[in-house]
Amino acid sequence: MTNTILVTGGAGYIGSHTTVALLEAGYDVVVVDNFSNSERWIPDRIQALAGRNFRCIELDLCDAPALTRCMAEVRPEGVIHFGALKSVGESFSQPLRYYQNNIVGTLNLLQAMNAVGCQQLVFSSSATVYGIPDHCPIPEDASLRAINPYGRSKLMMEEAINDIAHAVDGFRAAILRYFNPAGAHPSGRLGELPRGAPNNLVPFVAQVAAGLRPEVKVFGSDYATSDGTGVRDYIHVMDLASAHVNALRHLAGSTQTVTLNLGTGRGYSVLEIIQAFGRACGHPVPYRLDARRPGDADACYADPARAEALLHWRAERDLEQICADAWRWQQHLSA
């Protein structure tokens, strides 16, 4: 049996860190990426950090014939599927693009896997499938009611994967619902690389801390939380990466499809993030309180007990580590 893992979107933020972790764990890796949300120098950086070579193929998952040829050539033991558009805000203005890219690309991938008998899939899903939760921490059996096109595309992909797992003998998947990925590789040489204004809080705070933006706009200060600002579950990207390696190992010895939350089990408020980043960079990060955004929950954090039990994994890095590593990466970018 081959030890090769195909990683779609492997040059992206979470994909690149996971590729490093896979290489360090001894897997042979083939990355497929169309570089729509990543840079072409990232594979060289991954190789340097892991100290191992791997193959990178520039390919769009919506190109079904090219993907089928790639799968037939590589014949991987398993696939980790990160390749999707991921901005909640952008999905509202470009819903057709999100449904076309995310859903069609995933269906093409599943078809190509089926054609070569590849039966193990780790799927990058999202806590956005829960929408605004009834209570926290959120278990995997909570109501699914995505409230934006991005989240709905993830939910549709989950449903397709589950249907195929029921229909195809031997096929199984680990569907991983991330909460709020943050941080960077501890070397400071790999991290989140937003194009334009960051959509996520931590890289935005990092840019303000570096003097690239004047202040952090805090949306809402009257939530039912300890300091009135929204609370989210921030998980270090290196912890996420290790969870994917453990998910592959789990699937190798399993016959079942599983859906798991990946989070820390606790939330931090926006102001706590800003204050922690101030400690990491050595000076206060300016911010301004503003009105709420529609659709934002008071709090959203995971119940990660099932992932801990099945994957023998738990998040190990705390908020201070997230901010320290994100600041090191920001300094690298600003150098």
C-alpha atoms as a PDB file:
ATOM      1  CA  MET A   1       0.000   0.000   0.000  1.00  0.00           C
ATOM      2  CA  THR A   2       1.289   3.453  -0.916  1.00  0.00           C
ATOM      3  CA  ASN A   3       2.059   5.921   1.866  1.00  0.00           C
ATOM      4  CA  THR A   4       1.229   8.901  -0.351  1.00  0.00           C
ATOM      5  CA  ILE A   5      -1.291  11.534   0.741  1.00  0.00           C
ATOM      6  CA  LEU A   6      -2.795  14.005  -1.733  1.00  0.00           C
ATOM      7  CA  VAL A   7      -3.379  17.402  -0.136  1.00  0.00           C
ATOM      8  CA  THR A   8      -5.691  19.782  -2.002  1.00  0.00           C
ATOM      9  CA  GLY A   9      -5.096  23.422  -1.161  1.00  0.00           C
ATOM     10  CA  GLY A  10      -1.800  22.380   0.393  1.00  0.00           C
ATOM     11  CA  ALA A  11      -0.168  25.759  -0.228  1.00  0.00           C
ATOM     12  CA  GLY A  12      -2.859  27.603   1.735  1.00  0.00           C
ATOM     13  CA  TYR A  13      -2.782  28.629   5.383  1.00  0.00           C
ATOM     14  CA  ILE A  14      -3.912  25.446   7.137  1.00  0.00           C
ATOM     15  CA  GLY A  15      -2.868  23.219   4.223  1.00  0.00           C
ATOM     16  CA  SER A  16       0.755  24.383   4.289  1.00  0.00           C
ATOM     17  CA  HIS A  17       1.139  23.774   8.026  1.00  0.00           C
ATOM     18  CA  THR A  18      -0.489  20.363   7.683  1.00  0.00           C
ATOM     19  CA  THR A  19       1.817  19.469   4.800  1.00  0.00           C
ATOM     20  CA  VAL A  20       4.810  20.233   7.027  1.00  0.00           C
ATOM     21  CA  ALA A  21       3.330  18.018   9.749  1.00  0.00           C
ATOM     22  CA  LEU A  22       2.664  15.176   7.279  1.00  0.00           C
ATOM     23  CA  LEU A  23       6.207  15.288   5.923  1.00  0.00           C
ATOM     24  CA  GLU A  24       7.629  15.320   9.438  1.00  0.00           C
ATOM     25  CA  ALA A  25       5.416  12.305  10.289  1.00  0.00           C
ATOM     26  CA  GLY A  26       6.941  10.325   7.406  1.00  0.00           C
ATOM     27  CA  TYR A  27       4.183  10.562   4.800  1.00  0.00           C
ATOM     28  CA  ASP A  28       4.919  11.161   1.139  1.00  0.00           C
ATOM     29  CA  VAL A  29       2.892  14.159   0.024  1.00  0.00           C
ATOM     30  CA  VAL A  30       1.577  15.459  -3.275  1.00  0.00           C
ATOM     31  CA  VAL A  31       0.111  18.965  -3.034  1.00  0.00           C
ATOM     32  CA  VAL A  32      -2.529  20.162  -5.493  1.00  0.00           C
ATOM     33  CA  ASP A  33      -3.276  23.892  -5.496  1.00  0.00           C
ATOM     34  CA  ASN A  34      -4.499  26.499  -7.964  1.00  0.00           C
ATOM     35  CA  PHE A  35      -2.760  29.306  -5.988  1.00  0.00           C
ATOM     36  CA  SER A  36      -5.872  31.481  -5.973  1.00  0.00           C
ATOM     37  CA  ASN A  37      -5.397  32.139  -2.228  1.00  0.00           C
ATOM     38  CA  SER A  38      -1.710  31.307  -1.813  1.00  0.00           C
ATOM     39  CA  GLU A  39       1.721  32.168  -3.159  1.00  0.00           C
ATOM     40  CA  ARG A  40       3.913  30.046  -5.409  1.00  0.00           C
ATOM     41  CA  TRP A  41       6.904  30.337  -3.060  1.00  0.00           C
ATOM     42  CA  ILE A  42       5.046  28.554  -0.246  1.00  0.00           C
ATOM     43  CA  PRO A  43       5.957  24.988  -1.393  1.00  0.00           C
ATOM     44  CA  ASP A  44       9.676  25.861  -1.240  1.00  0.00           C
ATOM     45  CA  ARG A  45       9.175  27.205   2.287  1.00  0.00           C
ATOM     46  CA  ILE A  46       7.328  24.023   3.314  1.00  0.00           C
ATOM     47  CA  GLN A  47      10.165  21.908   1.937  1.00  0.00           C
ATOM     48  CA  ALA A  48      12.781  23.934   3.800  1.00  0.00           C
ATOM     49  CA  LEU A  49      10.904  23.676   7.113  1.00  0.00           C
ATOM     50  CA  ALA A  50      10.179  19.947   6.801  1.00  0.00           C
ATOM     51  CA  GLY A  51      13.590  19.052   5.404  1.00  0.00           C
ATOM     52  CA  ARG A  52      11.961  16.760   2.832  1.00  0.00           C
ATOM     53  CA  ASN A  53      11.024  17.000  -0.816  1.00  0.00           C
ATOM     54  CA  PHE A  54       7.476  16.664  -2.070  1.00  0.00           C
ATOM     55  CA  ARG A  55       5.640  17.170  -5.308  1.00  0.00           C
ATOM     56  CA  CYS A  56       3.417  20.188  -5.990  1.00  0.00           C
ATOM     57  CA  ILE A  57       0.996  20.246  -8.937  1.00  0.00           C
ATOM     58  CA  GLU A  58      -0.753  23.432 -10.034  1.00  0.00           C
ATOM     59  CA  LEU A  59      -4.298  22.316 -10.739  1.00  0.00           C
ATOM     60  CA  ASP A  60      -7.859  23.580 -10.258  1.00  0.00           C
ATOM     61  CA  LEU A  61     -10.304  21.075  -8.751  1.00  0.00           C
ATOM     62  CA  CYS A  62     -12.998  22.385 -11.080  1.00  0.00           C
ATOM     63  CA  ASP A  63     -10.954  20.992 -13.997  1.00  0.00           C
ATOM     64  CA  ALA A  64     -12.349  17.462 -13.734  1.00  0.00           C
ATOM     65  CA  PRO A  65     -10.291  15.849 -16.531  1.00  0.00           C
ATOM     66  CA  ALA A  66      -6.996  17.218 -15.146  1.00  0.00           C
ATOM     67  CA  LEU A  67      -7.922  16.137 -11.631  1.00  0.00           C
ATOM     68  CA  THR A  68      -8.851  12.638 -12.829  1.00  0.00           C
ATOM     69  CA  ARG A  69      -5.497  12.307 -14.628  1.00  0.00           C
ATOM     70  CA  CYS A  70      -3.664  13.509 -11.520  1.00  0.00           C
ATOM     71  CA  MET A  71      -5.457  11.045  -9.261  1.00  0.00           C
ATOM     72  CA  ALA A  72      -4.802   8.164 -11.667  1.00  0.00           C
ATOM     73  CA  GLU A  73      -1.083   9.021 -11.705  1.00  0.00           C
ATOM     74  CA  VAL A  74      -0.621   9.627  -7.965  1.00  0.00           C
ATOM     75  CA  ARG A  75      -2.984   6.897  -6.655  1.00  0.00           C
ATOM     76  CA  PRO A  76      -2.824   8.154  -3.080  1.00  0.00           C
ATOM     77  CA  GLU A  77      -3.688   6.151   0.000  1.00  0.00           C
ATOM     78  CA  GLY A  78      -5.727   9.088   1.286  1.00  0.00           C
ATOM     79  CA  VAL A  79      -6.725  12.674   0.570  1.00  0.00           C
ATOM     80  CA  ILE A  80      -6.851  15.730   2.812  1.00  0.00           C
ATOM     81  CA  HIS A  81      -9.180  18.249   1.204  1.00  0.00           C
ATOM     82  CA  PHE A  82      -8.549  21.921   2.012  1.00  0.00           C
ATOM     83  CA  GLY A  83      -9.122  23.284  -1.503  1.00  0.00           C
ATOM     84  CA  ALA A  84     -12.005  25.763  -1.213  1.00  0.00           C
ATOM     85  CA  LEU A  85     -12.792  29.464  -1.105  1.00  0.00           C
ATOM     86  CA  LYS A  86     -13.115  30.516   2.525  1.00  0.00           C
ATOM     87  CA  SER A  87     -14.210  34.133   3.123  1.00  0.00           C
ATOM     88  CA  VAL A  88     -17.593  34.510   4.825  1.00  0.00           C
ATOM     89  CA  GLY A  89     -17.947  38.144   3.738  1.00  0.00           C
ATOM     90  CA  GLU A  90     -16.948  37.465   0.137  1.00  0.00           C
ATOM     91  CA  SER A  91     -19.387  34.555  -0.043  1.00  0.00           C
ATOM     92  CA  PHE A  92     -22.298  36.978   0.425  1.00  0.00           C
ATOM     93  CA  SER A  93     -21.264  39.055  -2.595  1.00  0.00           C
ATOM     94  CA  GLN A  94     -20.146  36.094  -4.745  1.00  0.00           C
ATOM     95  CA  PRO A  95     -22.390  33.143  -3.775  1.00  0.00           C
ATOM     96  CA  LEU A  96     -22.375  31.562  -7.230  1.00  0.00           C
ATOM     97  CA  ARG A  97     -18.567  31.504  -7.257  1.00  0.00           C
ATOM     98  CA  TYR A  98     -18.515  29.848  -3.820  1.00  0.00           C
ATOM     99  CA  TYR A  99     -21.032  27.170  -4.728  1.00  0.00           C
ATOM    100  CA  GLN A 100     -19.354  26.519  -8.072  1.00  0.00           C
ATOM    101  CA  ASN A 101     -15.824  26.309  -6.691  1.00  0.00           C
ATOM    102  CA  ASN A 102     -16.444  24.564  -3.386  1.00  0.00           C
ATOM    103  CA  ILE A 103     -19.168  22.106  -4.279  1.00  0.00           C
ATOM    104  CA  VAL A 104     -18.209  21.268  -7.866  1.00  0.00           C
ATOM    105  CA  GLY A 105     -14.538  20.966  -6.895  1.00  0.00           C
ATOM    106  CA  THR A 106     -15.419  18.571  -4.073  1.00  0.00           C
ATOM    107  CA  LEU A 107     -17.686  16.442  -6.272  1.00  0.00           C
ATOM    108  CA  ASN A 108     -14.929  16.230  -8.889  1.00  0.00           C
ATOM    109  CA  LEU A 109     -12.487  15.136  -6.190  1.00  0.00           C
ATOM    110  CA  LEU A 110     -14.839  12.466  -4.851  1.00  0.00           C
ATOM    111  CA  GLN A 111     -15.426  11.164  -8.376  1.00  0.00           C
ATOM    112  CA  ALA A 112     -11.681  11.000  -9.058  1.00  0.00           C
ATOM    113  CA  MET A 113     -11.076   9.210  -5.747  1.00  0.00           C
ATOM    114  CA  ASN A 114     -13.783   6.688  -6.556  1.00  0.00           C
ATOM    115  CA  ALA A 115     -12.269   6.032  -9.992  1.00  0.00           C
ATOM    116  CA  VAL A 116      -8.953   4.875  -8.474  1.00  0.00           C
ATOM    117  CA  GLY A 117     -10.354   3.238  -5.339  1.00  0.00           C
ATOM    118  CA  CYS A 118      -9.003   5.838  -2.892  1.00  0.00           C
ATOM    119  CA  GLN A 119     -11.219   5.411   0.172  1.00  0.00           C
ATOM    120  CA  GLN A 120      -9.858   7.688   2.902  1.00  0.00           C
ATOM    121  CA  LEU A 121     -10.750  11.400   3.058  1.00  0.00           C
ATOM    122  CA  VAL A 122     -10.044  14.041   5.677  1.00  0.00           C
ATOM    123  CA  PHE A 123     -12.329  16.982   4.956  1.00  0.00           C
ATOM    124  CA  SER A 124     -11.782  20.571   6.035  1.00  0.00           C
ATOM    125  CA  SER A 125     -15.155  21.764   7.313  1.00  0.00           C
ATOM    126  CA  SER A 126     -16.060  24.674   9.556  1.00  0.00           C
ATOM    127  CA  ALA A 127     -17.926  25.659  12.710  1.00  0.00           C
ATOM    128  CA  THR A 128     -19.920  28.023  10.473  1.00  0.00           C
ATOM    129  CA  VAL A 129     -22.210  25.034   9.779  1.00  0.00           C
ATOM    130  CA  TYR A 130     -23.685  25.616  13.270  1.00  0.00           C
ATOM    131  CA  GLY A 131     -24.714  29.219  12.582  1.00  0.00           C
ATOM    132  CA  ILE A 132     -25.666  31.004  15.793  1.00  0.00           C
ATOM    133  CA  PRO A 133     -25.547  28.276  18.474  1.00  0.00           C
ATOM    134  CA  ASP A 134     -28.203  27.724  21.122  1.00  0.00           C
ATOM    135  CA  HIS A 135     -25.540  27.152  23.761  1.00  0.00           C
ATOM    136  CA  CYS A 136     -21.794  26.639  24.250  1.00  0.00           C
ATOM    137  CA  PRO A 137     -19.716  24.545  24.217  1.00  0.00           C
ATOM    138  CA  ILE A 138     -21.069  23.248  20.908  1.00  0.00           C
ATOM    139  CA  PRO A 139     -21.245  19.447  20.426  1.00  0.00           C
ATOM    140  CA  GLU A 140     -21.215  17.772  17.010  1.00  0.00           C
ATOM    141  CA  ASP A 141     -24.924  16.934  17.257  1.00  0.00           C
ATOM    142  CA  ALA A 142     -25.961  20.577  17.677  1.00  0.00           C
ATOM    143  CA  SER A 143     -28.400  22.024  15.143  1.00  0.00           C
ATOM    144  CA  LEU A 144     -26.893  22.722  11.721  1.00  0.00           C
ATOM    145  CA  ARG A 145     -28.111  26.051  10.350  1.00  0.00           C
ATOM    146  CA  ALA A 146     -25.394  27.821   8.403  1.00  0.00           C
ATOM    147  CA  ILE A 147     -26.290  31.479   7.845  1.00  0.00           C
ATOM    148  CA  ASN A 148     -23.924  32.410   4.996  1.00  0.00           C
ATOM    149  CA  PRO A 149     -23.098  30.944   1.568  1.00  0.00           C
ATOM    150  CA  TYR A 150     -19.635  29.835   2.704  1.00  0.00           C
ATOM    151  CA  GLY A 151     -21.057  27.856   5.630  1.00  0.00           C
ATOM    152  CA  ARG A 152     -23.841  26.432   3.492  1.00  0.00           C
ATOM    153  CA  SER A 153     -21.304  25.249   0.913  1.00  0.00           C
ATOM    154  CA  LYS A 154     -19.408  23.439   3.675  1.00  0.00           C
ATOM    155  CA  LEU A 155     -22.599  21.849   4.938  1.00  0.00           C
ATOM    156  CA  MET A 156     -23.528  20.680   1.420  1.00  0.00           C
ATOM    157  CA  MET A 157     -20.073  19.149   1.011  1.00  0.00           C
ATOM    158  CA  GLU A 158     -20.438  17.356   4.363  1.00  0.00           C
ATOM    159  CA  GLU A 159     -23.773  15.910   3.239  1.00  0.00           C
ATOM    160  CA  ALA A 160     -22.327  14.691  -0.069  1.00  0.00           C
ATOM    161  CA  ILE A 161     -19.414  13.014   1.712  1.00  0.00           C
ATOM    162  CA  ASN A 162     -21.748  11.304   4.199  1.00  0.00           C
ATOM    163  CA  ASP A 163     -24.007  10.078   1.386  1.00  0.00           C
ATOM    164  CA  ILE A 164     -21.044   8.600  -0.474  1.00  0.00           C
ATOM    165  CA  ALA A 165     -19.768   6.967   2.719  1.00  0.00           C
ATOM    166  CA  HIS A 166     -23.143   5.239   3.088  1.00  0.00           C
ATOM    167  CA  ALA A 167     -23.228   4.149  -0.556  1.00  0.00           C
ATOM    168  CA  VAL A 168     -19.626   3.091  -1.284  1.00  0.00           C
ATOM    169  CA  ASP A 169     -18.344   0.075   0.604  1.00  0.00           C
ATOM    170  CA  GLY A 170     -15.036   0.823   2.328  1.00  0.00           C
ATOM    171  CA  PHE A 171     -15.112   4.607   1.851  1.00  0.00           C
ATOM    172  CA  ARG A 172     -14.757   6.571   5.063  1.00  0.00           C
ATOM    173  CA  ALA A 173     -14.063  10.159   5.982  1.00  0.00           C
ATOM    174  CA  ALA A 174     -13.090  12.350   8.909  1.00  0.00           C
ATOM    175  CA  ILE A 175     -15.092  15.565   8.672  1.00  0.00           C
ATOM    176  CA  LEU A 176     -13.282  18.158  10.784  1.00  0.00           C
ATOM    177  CA  ARG A 177     -15.163  21.276  11.839  1.00  0.00           C
ATOM    178  CA  TYR A 178     -12.622  23.990  12.680  1.00  0.00           C
ATOM    179  CA  PHE A 179     -13.416  26.827  14.992  1.00  0.00           C
ATOM    180  CA  ASN A 180     -11.035  29.827  14.637  1.00  0.00           C
ATOM    181  CA  PRO A 181      -7.591  28.884  13.270  1.00  0.00           C
ATOM    182  CA  ALA A 182      -4.878  31.351  14.264  1.00  0.00           C
ATOM    183  CA  GLY A 183      -1.145  31.605  14.874  1.00  0.00           C
ATOM    184  CA  ALA A 184       1.767  30.513  12.695  1.00  0.00           C
ATOM    185  CA  HIS A 185       4.652  28.074  12.447  1.00  0.00           C
ATOM    186  CA  PRO A 186       6.996  28.712  15.422  1.00  0.00           C
ATOM    187  CA  SER A 187       9.876  29.424  13.034  1.00  0.00           C
ATOM    188  CA  GLY A 188       8.138  32.605  11.893  1.00  0.00           C
ATOM    189  CA  ARG A 189       8.578  31.482   8.287  1.00  0.00           C
ATOM    190  CA  LEU A 190       5.070  30.206   7.560  1.00  0.00           C
ATOM    191  CA  GLY A 191       1.704  31.652   8.531  1.00  0.00           C
ATOM    192  CA  GLU A 192      -1.551  33.214   7.405  1.00  0.00           C
ATOM    193  CA  LEU A 193      -1.072  35.405   4.345  1.00  0.00           C
ATOM    194  CA  PRO A 194      -4.258  37.366   3.610  1.00  0.00           C
ATOM    195  CA  ARG A 195      -4.615  39.220   0.341  1.00  0.00           C
ATOM    196  CA  GLY A 196      -5.918  42.708   1.032  1.00  0.00           C
ATOM    197  CA  ALA A 197      -7.599  43.438   4.361  1.00  0.00           C
ATOM    198  CA  PRO A 198      -7.592  40.317   6.574  1.00  0.00           C
ATOM    199  CA  ASN A 199     -10.952  38.658   7.127  1.00  0.00           C
ATOM    200  CA  ASN A 200      -9.835  37.113  10.421  1.00  0.00           C
ATOM    201  CA  LEU A 201      -9.189  38.923  13.685  1.00  0.00           C
ATOM    202  CA  VAL A 202      -5.665  37.779  14.608  1.00  0.00           C
ATOM    203  CA  PRO A 203      -3.915  38.761  11.329  1.00  0.00           C
ATOM    204  CA  PHE A 204      -5.790  42.081  11.399  1.00  0.00           C
ATOM    205  CA  VAL A 205      -4.580  42.744  14.953  1.00  0.00           C
ATOM    206  CA  ALA A 206      -1.062  41.776  13.825  1.00  0.00           C
ATOM    207  CA  GLN A 207      -1.145  44.345  11.018  1.00  0.00           C
ATOM    208  CA  VAL A 208      -2.311  47.041  13.434  1.00  0.00           C
ATOM    209  CA  ALA A 209       0.449  46.054  15.863  1.00  0.00           C
ATOM    210  CA  ALA A 210       2.962  46.395  13.014  1.00  0.00           C
ATOM    211  CA  GLY A 211       1.696  49.886  12.170  1.00  0.00           C
ATOM    212  CA  LEU A 212       0.231  48.830   8.810  1.00  0.00           C
ATOM    213  CA  ARG A 213      -3.306  49.779   9.881  1.00  0.00           C
ATOM    214  CA  PRO A 214      -4.384  52.501  12.333  1.00  0.00           C
ATOM    215  CA  GLU A 215      -6.639  50.536  14.689  1.00  0.00           C
ATOM    216  CA  VAL A 216      -8.732  47.431  15.234  1.00  0.00           C
ATOM    217  CA  LYS A 217     -12.446  48.046  14.803  1.00  0.00           C
ATOM    218  CA  VAL A 218     -14.271  46.002  17.444  1.00  0.00           C
ATOM    219  CA  PHE A 219     -17.758  45.146  16.215  1.00  0.00           C
ATOM    220  CA  GLY A 220     -20.081  45.149  19.196  1.00  0.00           C
ATOM    221  CA  SER A 221     -19.458  45.891  22.880  1.00  0.00           C
ATOM    222  CA  ASP A 222     -22.844  44.945  24.327  1.00  0.00           C
ATOM    223  CA  TYR A 223     -22.830  41.154  23.930  1.00  0.00           C
ATOM    224  CA  ALA A 224     -23.709  38.921  26.873  1.00  0.00           C
ATOM    225  CA  THR A 225     -20.038  38.185  27.575  1.00  0.00           C
ATOM    226  CA  SER A 226     -17.571  39.117  30.311  1.00  0.00           C
ATOM    227  CA  ASP A 227     -16.442  42.328  28.606  1.00  0.00           C
ATOM    228  CA  GLY A 228     -19.262  42.841  26.099  1.00  0.00           C
ATOM    229  CA  THR A 229     -17.261  41.767  23.040  1.00  0.00           C
ATOM    230  CA  GLY A 230     -17.774  38.591  21.027  1.00  0.00           C
ATOM    231  CA  VAL A 231     -16.178  35.364  22.250  1.00  0.00           C
ATOM    232  CA  ARG A 232     -14.648  32.771  19.899  1.00  0.00           C
ATOM    233  CA  ASP A 233     -12.597  29.584  20.164  1.00  0.00           C
ATOM    234  CA  TYR A 234      -9.111  30.297  18.761  1.00  0.00           C
ATOM    235  CA  ILE A 235      -7.068  27.204  17.941  1.00  0.00           C
ATOM    236  CA  HIS A 236      -3.398  27.251  16.974  1.00  0.00           C
ATOM    237  CA  VAL A 237      -2.796  26.213  13.369  1.00  0.00           C
ATOM    238  CA  MET A 238      -0.065  23.793  14.491  1.00  0.00           C
ATOM    239  CA  ASP A 239      -2.601  22.010  16.713  1.00  0.00           C
ATOM    240  CA  LEU A 240      -4.940  21.814  13.715  1.00  0.00           C
ATOM    241  CA  ALA A 241      -2.142  20.361  11.608  1.00  0.00           C
ATOM    242  CA  SER A 242      -1.433  17.604  14.132  1.00  0.00           C
ATOM    243  CA  ALA A 243      -5.156  16.774  14.274  1.00  0.00           C
ATOM    244  CA  HIS A 244      -5.108  16.030  10.533  1.00  0.00           C
ATOM    245  CA  VAL A 245      -2.202  13.621  10.925  1.00  0.00           C
ATOM    246  CA  ASN A 246      -4.079  11.873  13.740  1.00  0.00           C
ATOM    247  CA  ALA A 247      -7.250  11.788  11.618  1.00  0.00           C
ATOM    248  CA  LEU A 248      -5.389   9.959   8.842  1.00  0.00           C
ATOM    249  CA  ARG A 249      -4.092   7.426  11.340  1.00  0.00           C
ATOM    250  CA  HIS A 250      -7.590   6.971  12.722  1.00  0.00           C
ATOM    251  CA  LEU A 251      -9.084   6.340   9.282  1.00  0.00           C
ATOM    252  CA  ALA A 252      -6.407   3.769   8.458  1.00  0.00           C
ATOM    253  CA  GLY A 253      -7.732   1.560  11.244  1.00  0.00           C
ATOM    254  CA  SER A 254     -11.428   2.409  10.993  1.00  0.00           C
ATOM    255  CA  THR A 255     -14.428   1.603   8.810  1.00  0.00           C
ATOM    256  CA  GLN A 256     -16.589   4.517   9.967  1.00  0.00           C
ATOM    257  CA  THR A 257     -17.053   8.120   8.886  1.00  0.00           C
ATOM    258  CA  VAL A 258     -16.728  10.557  11.795  1.00  0.00           C
ATOM    259  CA  THR A 259     -17.542  14.234  12.274  1.00  0.00           C
ATOM    260  CA  LEU A 260     -15.421  16.048  14.837  1.00  0.00           C
ATOM    261  CA  ASN A 261     -15.040  19.524  16.284  1.00  0.00           C
ATOM    262  CA  LEU A 262     -11.520  20.928  16.364  1.00  0.00           C
ATOM    263  CA  GLY A 263     -11.274  23.606  19.012  1.00  0.00           C
ATOM    264  CA  THR A 264      -9.839  24.258  22.450  1.00  0.00           C
ATOM    265  CA  GLY A 265     -13.102  24.075  24.386  1.00  0.00           C
ATOM    266  CA  ARG A 266     -12.901  27.642  25.652  1.00  0.00           C
ATOM    267  CA  GLY A 267     -13.480  31.068  24.187  1.00  0.00           C
ATOM    268  CA  TYR A 268     -11.605  34.363  24.229  1.00  0.00           C
ATOM    269  CA  SER A 269     -13.187  37.752  23.674  1.00  0.00           C
ATOM    270  CA  VAL A 270     -12.054  40.241  21.041  1.00  0.00           C
ATOM    271  CA  LEU A 271     -10.593  42.476  23.761  1.00  0.00           C
ATOM    272  CA  GLU A 272      -8.718  39.527  25.289  1.00  0.00           C
ATOM    273  CA  ILE A 273      -7.162  38.838  21.884  1.00  0.00           C
ATOM    274  CA  ILE A 274      -6.111  42.467  21.485  1.00  0.00           C
ATOM    275  CA  GLN A 275      -4.625  42.562  24.989  1.00  0.00           C
ATOM    276  CA  ALA A 276      -2.766  39.263  24.502  1.00  0.00           C
ATOM    277  CA  PHE A 277      -1.325  40.532  21.236  1.00  0.00           C
ATOM    278  CA  GLY A 278      -0.175  43.667  23.020  1.00  0.00           C
ATOM    279  CA  ARG A 279       1.792  41.473  25.404  1.00  0.00           C
ATOM    280  CA  ALA A 280       3.293  39.553  22.474  1.00  0.00           C
ATOM    281  CA  CYS A 281       4.444  42.633  20.559  1.00  0.00           C
ATOM    282  CA  GLY A 282       5.411  44.697  23.617  1.00  0.00           C
ATOM    283  CA  HIS A 283       3.074  47.648  23.148  1.00  0.00           C
ATOM    284  CA  PRO A 284      -0.678  48.355  23.300  1.00  0.00           C
ATOM    285  CA  VAL A 285      -2.662  47.669  20.127  1.00  0.00           C
ATOM    286  CA  PRO A 286      -5.052  50.562  19.374  1.00  0.00           C
ATOM    287  CA  TYR A 287      -8.723  49.717  18.910  1.00  0.00           C
ATOM    288  CA  ARG A 288     -12.112  51.396  18.621  1.00  0.00           C
ATOM    289  CA  LEU A 289     -15.500  50.080  19.691  1.00  0.00           C
ATOM    290  CA  ASP A 290     -18.106  50.057  16.928  1.00  0.00           C
ATOM    291  CA  ALA A 291     -21.616  48.772  16.278  1.00  0.00           C
ATOM    292  CA  ARG A 292     -22.426  45.070  16.024  1.00  0.00           C
ATOM    293  CA  ARG A 293     -22.423  43.271  12.700  1.00  0.00           C
ATOM    294  CA  PRO A 294     -25.586  41.403  11.767  1.00  0.00           C
ATOM    295  CA  GLY A 295     -25.371  37.643  12.239  1.00  0.00           C
ATOM    296  CA  ASP A 296     -22.590  37.630  14.852  1.00  0.00           C
ATOM    297  CA  ALA A 297     -23.173  35.381  17.869  1.00  0.00           C
ATOM    298  CA  ASP A 298     -22.355  36.407  21.437  1.00  0.00           C
ATOM    299  CA  ALA A 299     -20.138  33.347  21.868  1.00  0.00           C
ATOM    300  CA  CYS A 300     -19.074  30.333  19.843  1.00  0.00           C
ATOM    301  CA  TYR A 301     -16.724  27.684  21.192  1.00  0.00           C
ATOM    302  CA  ALA A 302     -16.322  23.942  20.772  1.00  0.00           C
ATOM    303  CA  ASP A 303     -16.914  20.839  22.763  1.00  0.00           C
ATOM    304  CA  PRO A 304     -13.784  18.966  21.562  1.00  0.00           C
ATOM    305  CA  ALA A 305     -14.301  15.839  23.698  1.00  0.00           C
ATOM    306  CA  ARG A 306     -15.114  13.565  20.763  1.00  0.00           C
ATOM    307  CA  ALA A 307     -11.939  14.510  18.860  1.00  0.00           C
ATOM    308  CA  GLU A 308      -9.918  13.934  22.009  1.00  0.00           C
ATOM    309  CA  ALA A 309     -11.449  10.471  22.471  1.00  0.00           C
ATOM    310  CA  LEU A 310     -11.257   9.253  18.853  1.00  0.00           C
ATOM    311  CA  LEU A 311      -8.077  10.940  17.611  1.00  0.00           C
ATOM    312  CA  HIS A 312      -6.134  10.898  20.902  1.00  0.00           C
ATOM    313  CA  TRP A 313      -5.571  14.602  20.264  1.00  0.00           C
ATOM    314  CA  ARG A 314      -6.150  17.839  22.054  1.00  0.00           C
ATOM    315  CA  ALA A 315      -5.122  21.448  21.457  1.00  0.00           C
ATOM    316  CA  GLU A 316      -1.900  22.110  23.374  1.00  0.00           C
ATOM    317  CA  ARG A 317      -1.000  25.714  22.532  1.00  0.00           C
ATOM    318  CA  ASP A 318      -2.641  28.606  24.381  1.00  0.00           C
ATOM    319  CA  LEU A 319      -3.578  32.154  23.398  1.00  0.00           C
ATOM    320  CA  GLU A 320      -0.169  33.530  24.384  1.00  0.00           C
ATOM    321  CA  GLN A 321       1.512  31.067  21.996  1.00  0.00           C
ATOM    322  CA  ILE A 322      -0.933  31.937  19.209  1.00  0.00           C
ATOM    323  CA  CYS A 323      -0.146  35.641  19.527  1.00  0.00           C
ATOM    324  CA  ALA A 324       3.616  35.154  19.928  1.00  0.00           C
ATOM    325  CA  ASP A 325       3.830  32.997  16.787  1.00  0.00           C
ATOM    326  CA  ALA A 326       1.507  35.295  14.797  1.00  0.00           C
ATOM    327  CA  TRP A 327       3.660  38.291  15.766  1.00  0.00           C
ATOM    328  CA  ARG A 328       6.862  36.485  14.780  1.00  0.00           C
ATOM    329  CA  TRP A 329       5.321  35.748  11.365  1.00  0.00           C
ATOM    330  CA  GLN A 330       4.129  39.359  10.989  1.00  0.00           C
ATOM    331  CA  GLN A 331       7.652  40.605  11.719  1.00  0.00           C
ATOM    332  CA  HIS A 332       8.961  38.221   9.064  1.00  0.00           C
ATOM    333  CA  LEU A 333       6.492  39.661   6.546  1.00  0.00           C
ATOM    334  CA  SER A 334       7.381  43.239   7.490  1.00  0.00           C
ATOM    335  CA  ALA A 335      11.145  42.684   7.334  1.00  0.00           C
END
